Amino acid sequence: MRAIKLRVSRQNFIIPDGFTVIAAGPTGETFMRGPKVDRIDRLILQELQEDGSITNIELARRVGLSPPPCLRRVRALEEGGYIRGYHADLAPEALGFGVTIFAQVGLASQAETDLQAFERLVATWPEVREAHMLAGETDFLLKIVATDWDSYQRFLSAKLTAAPNVNHVKSALMLRVSKFAPGVPLAEPTAELPAPAWLQPKATATTS
């Protein structure tokens, strides 16, 4: 990937091809906009979201392109941050994980250092497949898999409730999956998708 260096707030950033400089401040701050996502790109994203193992030849056929430009578009979407990765969707029950639990965790302290410490701890627990920090009474929502309810209870007592700063845990056993649709809805086209959040400039206020 060819790239150019650009000074942004006294730091060097690599700007990939397809990104556009849209503003430059008097002290060197420079903001970027990601590449536009057109109808063909949306079709590519929709196909890959439904089947990440699809071959480039088949993907090109479905979106009406020849394979080389289709692959270039996929690479541009990857580099632009619209595609974060590819993975296999495994069947937990077939692998011996018979229960899924959603645990609402409340912490005694919500200081940023304590939140980050809990996040680092959760990252070391393979039973926890997802962790979401929430606003409101619940600080974190954890999705946990276990072989059975007794196995989860052992994890709950030995790890989760015993963790530093954990004040309370409310567990909910999943009975069945009514809908599973990872990703985002792409059926309705829009004029242009915004750049990924990590590329969007933070709002600043100035006074005179």
N, C-alpha and C. Protein backbone atom coordinates (compact mmCIF):
# COMPACT_ATOMS: atom_id res chain seq x y z
N MET A 1 0.85 -1.19 0.00
CA MET A 1 0.00 0.00 0.00
C MET A 1 0.88 1.24 0.00
N ARG A 2 0.75 2.12 -1.00
CA ARG A 2 1.48 3.36 -1.03
C ARG A 2 0.85 4.33 -0.06
N ALA A 3 1.67 5.08 0.66
CA ALA A 3 1.14 6.02 1.64
C ALA A 3 2.05 7.23 1.71
N ILE A 4 1.51 8.30 2.27
CA ILE A 4 2.29 9.51 2.48
C ILE A 4 2.28 9.85 3.95
N LYS A 5 3.33 10.52 4.41
CA LYS A 5 3.38 10.96 5.80
C LYS A 5 2.81 12.37 5.91
N LEU A 6 2.06 12.58 6.99
CA LEU A 6 1.42 13.87 7.21
C LEU A 6 1.57 14.22 8.67
N ARG A 7 1.97 15.46 8.96
CA ARG A 7 2.13 15.87 10.35
C ARG A 7 0.77 16.24 10.93
N VAL A 8 0.39 15.55 12.00
CA VAL A 8 -0.88 15.82 12.66
C VAL A 8 -0.59 16.03 14.14
N SER A 9 -0.73 17.28 14.58
CA SER A 9 -0.48 17.62 15.98
C SER A 9 0.88 17.09 16.45
N ARG A 10 1.91 17.40 15.68
CA ARG A 10 3.29 17.07 15.99
C ARG A 10 3.60 15.58 15.94
N GLN A 11 2.76 14.79 15.28
CA GLN A 11 3.02 13.38 15.13
C GLN A 11 2.96 13.03 13.67
N ASN A 12 3.68 11.96 13.27
CA ASN A 12 3.65 11.48 11.90
C ASN A 12 2.63 10.37 11.77
N PHE A 13 1.68 10.52 10.85
CA PHE A 13 0.67 9.51 10.59
C PHE A 13 0.83 9.03 9.15
N ILE A 14 0.51 7.74 8.91
CA ILE A 14 0.51 7.19 7.56
C ILE A 14 -0.91 7.30 7.00
N ILE A 15 -1.04 8.02 5.90
CA ILE A 15 -2.34 8.24 5.28
C ILE A 15 -2.47 7.32 4.07
N PRO A 16 -3.33 6.29 4.09
CA PRO A 16 -3.44 5.38 2.97
C PRO A 16 -4.02 6.06 1.74
N ASP A 17 -3.77 5.44 0.58
CA ASP A 17 -4.38 5.92 -0.65
C ASP A 17 -5.89 5.90 -0.49
N GLY A 18 -6.55 6.89 -1.05
CA GLY A 18 -8.00 6.96 -1.00
C GLY A 18 -8.52 7.85 0.10
N PHE A 19 -7.69 8.20 1.08
CA PHE A 19 -8.11 9.11 2.13
C PHE A 19 -7.80 10.53 1.71
N THR A 20 -8.65 11.45 2.13
CA THR A 20 -8.58 12.83 1.68
C THR A 20 -8.39 13.76 2.85
N VAL A 21 -7.48 14.72 2.72
CA VAL A 21 -7.32 15.76 3.73
C VAL A 21 -8.46 16.75 3.56
N ILE A 22 -9.23 16.99 4.64
CA ILE A 22 -10.39 17.87 4.50
C ILE A 22 -10.25 19.15 5.30
N ALA A 23 -9.24 19.25 6.19
CA ALA A 23 -9.06 20.48 6.94
C ALA A 23 -7.66 20.52 7.50
N ALA A 24 -7.12 21.73 7.61
CA ALA A 24 -5.80 21.91 8.19
C ALA A 24 -5.82 23.15 9.06
N GLY A 25 -5.42 23.00 10.31
CA GLY A 25 -5.42 24.11 11.23
C GLY A 25 -4.12 24.89 11.19
N PRO A 26 -4.09 26.06 11.79
CA PRO A 26 -2.90 26.90 11.75
C PRO A 26 -1.72 26.33 12.52
N THR A 27 -1.98 25.39 13.44
CA THR A 27 -0.88 24.82 14.22
C THR A 27 -0.49 23.43 13.73
N GLY A 28 -0.97 23.04 12.56
CA GLY A 28 -0.55 21.77 11.98
C GLY A 28 -1.55 20.64 12.11
N GLU A 29 -2.70 20.87 12.79
CA GLU A 29 -3.68 19.81 12.91
C GLU A 29 -4.31 19.55 11.54
N THR A 30 -4.33 18.30 11.14
CA THR A 30 -4.87 17.93 9.84
C THR A 30 -5.88 16.81 10.02
N PHE A 31 -7.05 16.96 9.39
CA PHE A 31 -8.09 15.98 9.54
C PHE A 31 -8.28 15.25 8.21
N MET A 32 -8.78 14.00 8.31
CA MET A 32 -8.90 13.15 7.14
C MET A 32 -10.32 12.64 6.99
N ARG A 33 -10.68 12.30 5.77
CA ARG A 33 -11.95 11.64 5.50
C ARG A 33 -11.64 10.35 4.76
N GLY A 34 -12.31 9.26 5.13
CA GLY A 34 -12.07 7.98 4.49
C GLY A 34 -12.61 7.94 3.07
N PRO A 35 -12.26 6.88 2.34
CA PRO A 35 -12.73 6.76 0.96
C PRO A 35 -14.25 6.59 0.92
N LYS A 36 -14.87 7.13 -0.13
CA LYS A 36 -16.30 6.98 -0.28
C LYS A 36 -16.65 5.52 -0.54
N VAL A 37 -17.77 5.10 0.01
CA VAL A 37 -18.25 3.73 -0.18
C VAL A 37 -19.46 3.79 -1.10
N ASP A 38 -19.33 3.26 -2.30
CA ASP A 38 -20.41 3.34 -3.27
C ASP A 38 -21.26 2.08 -3.23
N ARG A 39 -22.17 1.96 -4.19
CA ARG A 39 -23.11 0.84 -4.22
C ARG A 39 -22.38 -0.49 -4.33
N ILE A 40 -21.37 -0.56 -5.17
CA ILE A 40 -20.61 -1.81 -5.33
C ILE A 40 -19.90 -2.19 -4.04
N ASP A 41 -19.32 -1.19 -3.38
CA ASP A 41 -18.66 -1.47 -2.10
C ASP A 41 -19.65 -2.04 -1.09
N ARG A 42 -20.85 -1.48 -1.05
CA ARG A 42 -21.87 -1.96 -0.12
C ARG A 42 -22.26 -3.40 -0.44
N LEU A 43 -22.35 -3.72 -1.72
CA LEU A 43 -22.65 -5.11 -2.11
C LEU A 43 -21.53 -6.05 -1.66
N ILE A 44 -20.29 -5.60 -1.82
CA ILE A 44 -19.15 -6.41 -1.38
C ILE A 44 -19.21 -6.63 0.13
N LEU A 45 -19.47 -5.56 0.87
CA LEU A 45 -19.55 -5.67 2.33
C LEU A 45 -20.68 -6.60 2.75
N GLN A 46 -21.81 -6.51 2.07
CA GLN A 46 -22.94 -7.37 2.41
C GLN A 46 -22.62 -8.83 2.15
N GLU A 47 -22.00 -9.13 1.03
CA GLU A 47 -21.65 -10.51 0.71
C GLU A 47 -20.62 -11.06 1.69
N LEU A 48 -19.60 -10.27 2.02
CA LEU A 48 -18.57 -10.72 2.95
C LEU A 48 -19.13 -10.87 4.36
N GLN A 49 -20.07 -10.02 4.73
CA GLN A 49 -20.67 -10.12 6.06
C GLN A 49 -21.46 -11.41 6.18
N GLU A 50 -22.10 -11.84 5.10
CA GLU A 50 -22.89 -13.07 5.12
C GLU A 50 -22.02 -14.31 4.99
N ASP A 51 -20.90 -14.20 4.28
CA ASP A 51 -20.01 -15.35 4.08
C ASP A 51 -18.59 -14.85 3.90
N GLY A 52 -17.85 -14.81 4.99
CA GLY A 52 -16.48 -14.31 4.93
C GLY A 52 -15.51 -15.24 4.24
N SER A 53 -15.93 -16.49 3.97
CA SER A 53 -15.04 -17.45 3.31
C SER A 53 -15.25 -17.49 1.80
N ILE A 54 -16.10 -16.62 1.27
CA ILE A 54 -16.37 -16.61 -0.17
C ILE A 54 -15.09 -16.30 -0.94
N THR A 55 -14.88 -16.96 -2.07
CA THR A 55 -13.70 -16.70 -2.88
C THR A 55 -13.85 -15.37 -3.61
N ASN A 56 -12.73 -14.79 -3.98
CA ASN A 56 -12.78 -13.52 -4.69
C ASN A 56 -13.46 -13.67 -6.05
N ILE A 57 -13.29 -14.82 -6.69
CA ILE A 57 -13.92 -15.05 -7.99
C ILE A 57 -15.43 -15.06 -7.86
N GLU A 58 -15.94 -15.76 -6.84
CA GLU A 58 -17.39 -15.81 -6.63
C GLU A 58 -17.91 -14.46 -6.19
N LEU A 59 -17.16 -13.78 -5.32
CA LEU A 59 -17.58 -12.44 -4.88
C LEU A 59 -17.67 -11.49 -6.06
N ALA A 60 -16.68 -11.52 -6.93
CA ALA A 60 -16.69 -10.65 -8.11
C ALA A 60 -17.90 -10.94 -8.99
N ARG A 61 -18.22 -12.22 -9.16
CA ARG A 61 -19.38 -12.58 -9.98
C ARG A 61 -20.66 -12.02 -9.39
N ARG A 62 -20.80 -12.10 -8.07
CA ARG A 62 -22.05 -11.66 -7.43
C ARG A 62 -22.23 -10.14 -7.49
N VAL A 63 -21.13 -9.40 -7.47
CA VAL A 63 -21.26 -7.94 -7.46
C VAL A 63 -21.07 -7.33 -8.85
N GLY A 64 -20.83 -8.18 -9.85
CA GLY A 64 -20.75 -7.70 -11.22
C GLY A 64 -19.43 -7.08 -11.61
N LEU A 65 -18.33 -7.57 -11.04
CA LEU A 65 -17.00 -7.08 -11.37
C LEU A 65 -16.14 -8.23 -11.86
N SER A 66 -15.03 -7.89 -12.48
CA SER A 66 -14.01 -8.90 -12.75
C SER A 66 -13.18 -9.06 -11.48
N PRO A 67 -12.48 -10.19 -11.30
CA PRO A 67 -11.78 -10.45 -10.04
C PRO A 67 -10.73 -9.40 -9.62
N PRO A 68 -9.87 -8.89 -10.53
CA PRO A 68 -8.85 -7.94 -10.05
C PRO A 68 -9.41 -6.67 -9.41
N PRO A 69 -10.35 -5.95 -10.05
CA PRO A 69 -10.88 -4.75 -9.37
C PRO A 69 -11.68 -5.08 -8.12
N CYS A 70 -12.30 -6.26 -8.09
CA CYS A 70 -13.03 -6.66 -6.89
C CYS A 70 -12.06 -6.84 -5.73
N LEU A 71 -10.94 -7.47 -5.97
CA LEU A 71 -9.94 -7.67 -4.91
C LEU A 71 -9.38 -6.34 -4.45
N ARG A 72 -9.16 -5.41 -5.39
CA ARG A 72 -8.65 -4.09 -5.00
C ARG A 72 -9.65 -3.38 -4.08
N ARG A 73 -10.93 -3.51 -4.39
CA ARG A 73 -11.94 -2.88 -3.54
C ARG A 73 -11.96 -3.51 -2.15
N VAL A 74 -11.84 -4.83 -2.09
CA VAL A 74 -11.82 -5.50 -0.78
C VAL A 74 -10.63 -5.02 0.03
N ARG A 75 -9.46 -4.94 -0.59
CA ARG A 75 -8.27 -4.48 0.12
C ARG A 75 -8.43 -3.04 0.60
N ALA A 76 -9.05 -2.20 -0.23
CA ALA A 76 -9.27 -0.80 0.17
C ALA A 76 -10.24 -0.72 1.35
N LEU A 77 -11.26 -1.57 1.36
CA LEU A 77 -12.20 -1.58 2.48
C LEU A 77 -11.53 -2.08 3.75
N GLU A 78 -10.62 -3.04 3.62
CA GLU A 78 -9.87 -3.53 4.77
C GLU A 78 -8.96 -2.43 5.32
N GLU A 79 -8.21 -1.80 4.41
CA GLU A 79 -7.28 -0.75 4.84
C GLU A 79 -8.01 0.48 5.37
N GLY A 80 -9.23 0.71 4.89
CA GLY A 80 -10.01 1.86 5.35
C GLY A 80 -10.69 1.64 6.69
N GLY A 81 -10.60 0.43 7.24
CA GLY A 81 -11.18 0.17 8.54
C GLY A 81 -12.63 -0.28 8.52
N TYR A 82 -13.20 -0.54 7.34
CA TYR A 82 -14.58 -0.99 7.26
C TYR A 82 -14.71 -2.49 7.52
N ILE A 83 -13.66 -3.24 7.25
CA ILE A 83 -13.63 -4.68 7.53
C ILE A 83 -12.58 -4.90 8.60
N ARG A 84 -13.01 -5.40 9.76
CA ARG A 84 -12.08 -5.57 10.88
C ARG A 84 -11.42 -6.94 10.88
N GLY A 85 -12.01 -7.92 10.21
CA GLY A 85 -11.41 -9.24 10.20
C GLY A 85 -12.39 -10.29 9.70
N TYR A 86 -11.94 -11.55 9.68
CA TYR A 86 -12.75 -12.68 9.24
C TYR A 86 -12.60 -13.80 10.27
N HIS A 87 -13.68 -14.52 10.53
CA HIS A 87 -13.60 -15.61 11.48
C HIS A 87 -14.65 -16.66 11.15
N ALA A 88 -14.47 -17.87 11.73
CA ALA A 88 -15.44 -18.94 11.57
C ALA A 88 -16.49 -18.85 12.68
N ASP A 89 -17.73 -19.11 12.36
CA ASP A 89 -18.82 -19.11 13.32
C ASP A 89 -18.97 -20.53 13.86
N LEU A 90 -18.43 -20.77 15.05
CA LEU A 90 -18.42 -22.11 15.62
C LEU A 90 -19.73 -22.40 16.35
N ALA A 91 -20.07 -23.69 16.47
CA ALA A 91 -21.27 -24.12 17.18
C ALA A 91 -20.88 -24.49 18.61
N PRO A 92 -21.24 -23.67 19.61
CA PRO A 92 -20.83 -23.95 20.99
C PRO A 92 -21.29 -25.31 21.50
N GLU A 93 -22.56 -25.68 21.21
CA GLU A 93 -23.08 -26.94 21.71
C GLU A 93 -22.30 -28.13 21.17
N ALA A 94 -21.95 -28.08 19.91
CA ALA A 94 -21.20 -29.18 19.30
C ALA A 94 -19.82 -29.35 19.93
N LEU A 95 -19.30 -28.26 20.52
CA LEU A 95 -17.98 -28.30 21.14
C LEU A 95 -18.06 -28.47 22.65
N GLY A 96 -19.25 -28.77 23.16
CA GLY A 96 -19.39 -29.08 24.57
C GLY A 96 -19.77 -27.92 25.46
N PHE A 97 -20.05 -26.75 24.90
CA PHE A 97 -20.46 -25.60 25.70
C PHE A 97 -21.98 -25.49 25.64
N GLY A 98 -22.62 -26.07 26.66
CA GLY A 98 -24.07 -26.23 26.62
C GLY A 98 -24.87 -25.04 27.11
N VAL A 99 -24.23 -24.10 27.82
CA VAL A 99 -24.99 -22.96 28.34
C VAL A 99 -24.28 -21.66 28.00
N THR A 100 -25.09 -20.64 27.79
CA THR A 100 -24.60 -19.28 27.59
C THR A 100 -25.29 -18.39 28.61
N ILE A 101 -24.50 -17.58 29.29
CA ILE A 101 -25.02 -16.72 30.36
C ILE A 101 -24.64 -15.28 30.07
N PHE A 102 -25.57 -14.38 30.32
CA PHE A 102 -25.29 -12.95 30.27
C PHE A 102 -25.22 -12.45 31.71
N ALA A 103 -24.07 -11.94 32.10
CA ALA A 103 -23.85 -11.48 33.46
C ALA A 103 -23.77 -9.96 33.50
N GLN A 104 -24.63 -9.34 34.31
CA GLN A 104 -24.58 -7.90 34.53
C GLN A 104 -23.72 -7.63 35.76
N VAL A 105 -22.64 -6.91 35.56
CA VAL A 105 -21.66 -6.71 36.62
C VAL A 105 -21.68 -5.25 37.06
N GLY A 106 -21.78 -5.04 38.36
CA GLY A 106 -21.69 -3.71 38.94
C GLY A 106 -20.40 -3.60 39.73
N LEU A 107 -19.66 -2.53 39.53
CA LEU A 107 -18.40 -2.33 40.22
C LEU A 107 -18.57 -1.36 41.38
N ALA A 108 -17.72 -1.50 42.38
CA ALA A 108 -17.77 -0.60 43.53
C ALA A 108 -17.26 0.79 43.16
N SER A 109 -16.29 0.85 42.26
CA SER A 109 -15.72 2.13 41.82
C SER A 109 -15.75 2.19 40.30
N GLN A 110 -16.16 3.36 39.79
CA GLN A 110 -16.18 3.57 38.34
C GLN A 110 -15.07 4.50 37.88
N ALA A 111 -14.04 4.64 38.68
CA ALA A 111 -12.89 5.44 38.25
C ALA A 111 -12.27 4.77 37.03
N GLU A 112 -11.73 5.59 36.13
CA GLU A 112 -11.21 5.05 34.87
C GLU A 112 -10.15 3.98 35.09
N THR A 113 -9.28 4.19 36.06
CA THR A 113 -8.25 3.19 36.33
C THR A 113 -8.85 1.86 36.78
N ASP A 114 -9.94 1.92 37.56
CA ASP A 114 -10.60 0.70 38.01
C ASP A 114 -11.36 0.02 36.88
N LEU A 115 -11.97 0.80 35.99
CA LEU A 115 -12.64 0.22 34.82
C LEU A 115 -11.64 -0.49 33.92
N GLN A 116 -10.51 0.14 33.69
CA GLN A 116 -9.49 -0.48 32.84
C GLN A 116 -8.90 -1.72 33.49
N ALA A 117 -8.74 -1.70 34.80
CA ALA A 117 -8.21 -2.88 35.50
C ALA A 117 -9.16 -4.06 35.34
N PHE A 118 -10.48 -3.81 35.44
CA PHE A 118 -11.45 -4.88 35.27
C PHE A 118 -11.44 -5.39 33.83
N GLU A 119 -11.32 -4.48 32.87
CA GLU A 119 -11.27 -4.89 31.46
C GLU A 119 -10.06 -5.78 31.20
N ARG A 120 -8.91 -5.42 31.78
CA ARG A 120 -7.72 -6.25 31.59
C ARG A 120 -7.90 -7.63 32.20
N LEU A 121 -8.56 -7.70 33.35
CA LEU A 121 -8.80 -8.99 34.00
C LEU A 121 -9.75 -9.84 33.17
N VAL A 122 -10.83 -9.24 32.69
CA VAL A 122 -11.80 -9.97 31.87
C VAL A 122 -11.14 -10.53 30.61
N ALA A 123 -10.20 -9.80 30.06
CA ALA A 123 -9.52 -10.25 28.84
C ALA A 123 -8.75 -11.55 29.06
N THR A 124 -8.43 -11.88 30.28
CA THR A 124 -7.69 -13.12 30.58
C THR A 124 -8.60 -14.31 30.80
N TRP A 125 -9.91 -14.12 30.83
CA TRP A 125 -10.86 -15.21 31.06
C TRP A 125 -11.41 -15.72 29.74
N PRO A 126 -11.02 -16.89 29.29
CA PRO A 126 -11.51 -17.39 28.00
C PRO A 126 -13.01 -17.68 28.00
N GLU A 127 -13.60 -17.91 29.17
CA GLU A 127 -15.04 -18.17 29.23
C GLU A 127 -15.85 -16.96 28.80
N VAL A 128 -15.31 -15.78 29.01
CA VAL A 128 -16.01 -14.55 28.63
C VAL A 128 -15.75 -14.28 27.15
N ARG A 129 -16.79 -14.36 26.35
CA ARG A 129 -16.65 -14.19 24.90
C ARG A 129 -16.89 -12.75 24.46
N GLU A 130 -17.67 -12.00 25.22
CA GLU A 130 -17.91 -10.60 24.92
C GLU A 130 -17.99 -9.83 26.23
N ALA A 131 -17.51 -8.59 26.20
CA ALA A 131 -17.61 -7.72 27.37
C ALA A 131 -17.93 -6.32 26.88
N HIS A 132 -19.01 -5.76 27.39
CA HIS A 132 -19.47 -4.45 26.96
C HIS A 132 -19.62 -3.55 28.18
N MET A 133 -18.99 -2.39 28.16
CA MET A 133 -19.17 -1.41 29.23
C MET A 133 -20.42 -0.59 28.92
N LEU A 134 -21.30 -0.43 29.91
CA LEU A 134 -22.59 0.19 29.70
C LEU A 134 -22.74 1.45 30.54
N ALA A 135 -23.67 2.29 30.13
CA ALA A 135 -24.10 3.42 30.94
C ALA A 135 -25.31 2.99 31.75
N GLY A 136 -25.43 3.49 32.97
CA GLY A 136 -26.56 3.13 33.79
C GLY A 136 -26.14 2.36 35.03
N GLU A 137 -27.09 1.59 35.57
CA GLU A 137 -26.82 0.86 36.81
C GLU A 137 -25.81 -0.26 36.62
N THR A 138 -25.81 -0.89 35.46
CA THR A 138 -24.87 -1.97 35.17
C THR A 138 -23.62 -1.39 34.52
N ASP A 139 -22.46 -1.77 35.04
CA ASP A 139 -21.21 -1.25 34.48
C ASP A 139 -20.73 -2.08 33.29
N PHE A 140 -20.88 -3.40 33.38
CA PHE A 140 -20.44 -4.28 32.30
C PHE A 140 -21.47 -5.38 32.07
N LEU A 141 -21.65 -5.72 30.79
CA LEU A 141 -22.44 -6.88 30.41
C LEU A 141 -21.49 -7.90 29.78
N LEU A 142 -21.43 -9.08 30.38
CA LEU A 142 -20.53 -10.13 29.91
C LEU A 142 -21.33 -11.27 29.30
N LYS A 143 -20.85 -11.76 28.16
CA LYS A 143 -21.42 -12.98 27.58
C LYS A 143 -20.44 -14.11 27.88
N ILE A 144 -20.93 -15.13 28.59
CA ILE A 144 -20.07 -16.19 29.10
C ILE A 144 -20.59 -17.53 28.62
N VAL A 145 -19.70 -18.41 28.20
CA VAL A 145 -20.08 -19.77 27.81
C VAL A 145 -19.48 -20.75 28.81
N ALA A 146 -20.19 -21.83 29.05
CA ALA A 146 -19.73 -22.86 29.98
C ALA A 146 -20.30 -24.21 29.54
N THR A 147 -19.69 -25.28 30.04
CA THR A 147 -20.17 -26.61 29.66
C THR A 147 -21.55 -26.89 30.25
N ASP A 148 -21.79 -26.42 31.47
CA ASP A 148 -23.10 -26.59 32.10
C ASP A 148 -23.25 -25.51 33.19
N TRP A 149 -24.41 -25.52 33.86
CA TRP A 149 -24.68 -24.49 34.86
C TRP A 149 -23.73 -24.60 36.04
N ASP A 150 -23.40 -25.81 36.44
CA ASP A 150 -22.46 -26.00 37.56
C ASP A 150 -21.09 -25.42 37.23
N SER A 151 -20.67 -25.60 35.99
CA SER A 151 -19.38 -25.05 35.57
C SER A 151 -19.39 -23.53 35.64
N TYR A 152 -20.51 -22.94 35.23
CA TYR A 152 -20.62 -21.48 35.32
C TYR A 152 -20.60 -21.02 36.78
N GLN A 153 -21.28 -21.74 37.66
CA GLN A 153 -21.30 -21.37 39.07
C GLN A 153 -19.89 -21.39 39.67
N ARG A 154 -19.07 -22.34 39.23
CA ARG A 154 -17.69 -22.38 39.70
C ARG A 154 -16.91 -21.17 39.20
N PHE A 155 -17.13 -20.81 37.94
CA PHE A 155 -16.48 -19.62 37.40
C PHE A 155 -16.96 -18.37 38.14
N LEU A 156 -18.25 -18.32 38.42
CA LEU A 156 -18.83 -17.16 39.09
C LEU A 156 -18.22 -16.96 40.48
N SER A 157 -18.11 -18.02 41.24
CA SER A 157 -17.62 -17.90 42.62
C SER A 157 -16.10 -17.77 42.69
N ALA A 158 -15.40 -18.47 41.81
CA ALA A 158 -13.94 -18.49 41.91
C ALA A 158 -13.29 -17.30 41.20
N LYS A 159 -13.93 -16.76 40.19
CA LYS A 159 -13.30 -15.70 39.39
C LYS A 159 -14.08 -14.39 39.41
N LEU A 160 -15.34 -14.44 38.97
CA LEU A 160 -16.05 -13.19 38.72
C LEU A 160 -16.38 -12.45 40.01
N THR A 161 -17.11 -13.07 40.93
CA THR A 161 -17.47 -12.37 42.16
C THR A 161 -16.26 -12.16 43.08
N ALA A 162 -15.21 -12.96 42.87
CA ALA A 162 -14.01 -12.81 43.69
C ALA A 162 -13.06 -11.75 43.15
N ALA A 163 -13.36 -11.20 41.98
CA ALA A 163 -12.47 -10.22 41.35
C ALA A 163 -12.48 -8.91 42.13
N PRO A 164 -11.36 -8.22 42.15
CA PRO A 164 -11.30 -6.92 42.85
C PRO A 164 -12.31 -5.93 42.28
N ASN A 165 -12.94 -5.17 43.14
CA ASN A 165 -13.84 -4.08 42.78
C ASN A 165 -15.22 -4.54 42.30
N VAL A 166 -15.46 -5.84 42.21
CA VAL A 166 -16.79 -6.31 41.79
C VAL A 166 -17.74 -6.23 42.98
N ASN A 167 -18.81 -5.47 42.79
CA ASN A 167 -19.78 -5.24 43.87
C ASN A 167 -20.95 -6.22 43.81
N HIS A 168 -21.49 -6.45 42.61
CA HIS A 168 -22.58 -7.40 42.47
C HIS A 168 -22.63 -7.95 41.05
N VAL A 169 -23.21 -9.14 40.92
CA VAL A 169 -23.36 -9.80 39.62
C VAL A 169 -24.76 -10.36 39.52
N LYS A 170 -25.44 -10.08 38.42
CA LYS A 170 -26.76 -10.63 38.15
C LYS A 170 -26.67 -11.49 36.90
N SER A 171 -26.99 -12.79 37.03
CA SER A 171 -26.82 -13.73 35.93
C SER A 171 -28.16 -14.05 35.27
N ALA A 172 -28.14 -14.16 33.94
CA ALA A 172 -29.33 -14.54 33.18
C ALA A 172 -28.95 -15.65 32.21
N LEU A 173 -29.60 -16.80 32.34
CA LEU A 173 -29.33 -17.94 31.47
C LEU A 173 -30.06 -17.78 30.15
N MET A 174 -29.32 -17.91 29.05
CA MET A 174 -29.95 -17.82 27.73
C MET A 174 -30.70 -19.12 27.44
N LEU A 175 -31.98 -19.01 27.05
CA LEU A 175 -32.78 -20.18 26.74
C LEU A 175 -32.64 -20.60 25.29
N ARG A 176 -32.69 -19.63 24.39
CA ARG A 176 -32.48 -19.92 22.97
C ARG A 176 -32.13 -18.64 22.24
N VAL A 177 -31.55 -18.78 21.07
CA VAL A 177 -31.20 -17.64 20.22
C VAL A 177 -32.36 -17.41 19.26
N SER A 178 -33.02 -16.26 19.37
CA SER A 178 -34.13 -15.93 18.48
C SER A 178 -33.67 -15.25 17.21
N LYS A 179 -32.55 -14.53 17.31
CA LYS A 179 -31.99 -13.86 16.13
C LYS A 179 -30.49 -13.70 16.33
N PHE A 180 -29.74 -13.98 15.27
CA PHE A 180 -28.30 -13.81 15.31
C PHE A 180 -27.87 -13.20 13.98
N ALA A 181 -27.58 -11.92 13.99
CA ALA A 181 -27.21 -11.21 12.77
C ALA A 181 -26.02 -10.31 13.06
N PRO A 182 -24.82 -10.86 13.01
CA PRO A 182 -23.63 -10.03 13.29
C PRO A 182 -23.47 -8.93 12.25
N GLY A 183 -22.76 -7.88 12.64
CA GLY A 183 -22.49 -6.80 11.70
C GLY A 183 -23.55 -5.72 11.74
N VAL A 184 -23.80 -5.13 10.58
CA VAL A 184 -24.75 -4.01 10.48
C VAL A 184 -25.65 -4.23 9.27
N PRO A 185 -26.86 -3.63 9.25
CA PRO A 185 -27.74 -3.75 8.09
C PRO A 185 -27.20 -2.94 6.91
N LEU A 186 -27.11 -3.58 5.76
CA LEU A 186 -26.55 -2.92 4.59
C LEU A 186 -27.50 -2.93 3.40
N ALA A 187 -28.75 -3.33 3.63
CA ALA A 187 -29.69 -3.45 2.51
C ALA A 187 -30.05 -2.11 1.92
N GLU A 188 -30.22 -1.09 2.76
CA GLU A 188 -30.62 0.23 2.28
C GLU A 188 -29.39 1.08 2.02
N PRO A 189 -29.14 1.49 0.78
CA PRO A 189 -27.96 2.29 0.48
C PRO A 189 -28.07 3.71 1.00
N THR A 190 -26.93 4.30 1.31
CA THR A 190 -26.85 5.72 1.67
C THR A 190 -25.86 6.39 0.74
N ALA A 191 -25.89 7.70 0.69
CA ALA A 191 -25.02 8.43 -0.24
C ALA A 191 -23.55 8.16 0.06
N GLU A 192 -23.20 8.13 1.32
CA GLU A 192 -21.80 7.95 1.68
C GLU A 192 -21.71 7.52 3.13
N LEU A 193 -20.91 6.49 3.39
CA LEU A 193 -20.68 6.07 4.76
C LEU A 193 -19.62 6.95 5.39
N PRO A 194 -19.74 7.27 6.69
CA PRO A 194 -18.71 8.07 7.34
C PRO A 194 -17.43 7.28 7.51
N ALA A 195 -16.34 7.97 7.72
CA ALA A 195 -15.08 7.30 8.01
C ALA A 195 -15.20 6.60 9.34
N PRO A 196 -14.42 5.50 9.57
CA PRO A 196 -14.45 4.82 10.86
C PRO A 196 -14.15 5.79 11.99
N ALA A 197 -14.64 5.46 13.20
CA ALA A 197 -14.53 6.37 14.33
C ALA A 197 -13.09 6.72 14.66
N TRP A 198 -12.18 5.75 14.45
CA TRP A 198 -10.79 6.03 14.81
C TRP A 198 -10.13 7.04 13.88
N LEU A 199 -10.80 7.38 12.76
CA LEU A 199 -10.24 8.37 11.85
C LEU A 199 -10.95 9.70 11.92
N GLN A 200 -12.02 9.77 12.71
CA GLN A 200 -12.78 11.01 12.78
C GLN A 200 -12.14 11.94 13.80
N PRO A 201 -11.97 13.22 13.45
CA PRO A 201 -11.33 14.17 14.39
C PRO A 201 -12.23 14.43 15.59
N LYS A 202 -11.62 14.65 16.73
CA LYS A 202 -12.36 14.98 17.92
C LYS A 202 -12.76 16.47 17.86
N ALA A 203 -13.98 16.73 18.32
CA ALA A 203 -14.46 18.11 18.33
C ALA A 203 -13.69 18.92 19.37
N THR A 204 -13.33 20.13 19.01
CA THR A 204 -12.63 21.01 19.94
C THR A 204 -13.36 22.34 19.99
N ALA A 205 -13.31 23.01 21.13
CA ALA A 205 -13.96 24.30 21.30
C ALA A 205 -12.89 25.36 21.51
N THR A 206 -13.08 26.51 20.89
CA THR A 206 -12.14 27.62 21.04
C THR A 206 -12.90 28.83 21.52
N THR A 207 -12.24 29.67 22.28
CA THR A 207 -12.84 30.91 22.75
C THR A 207 -11.95 32.07 22.36
N SER A 208 -12.55 33.21 22.19
CA SER A 208 -11.78 34.39 21.82
C SER A 208 -11.96 35.49 22.87
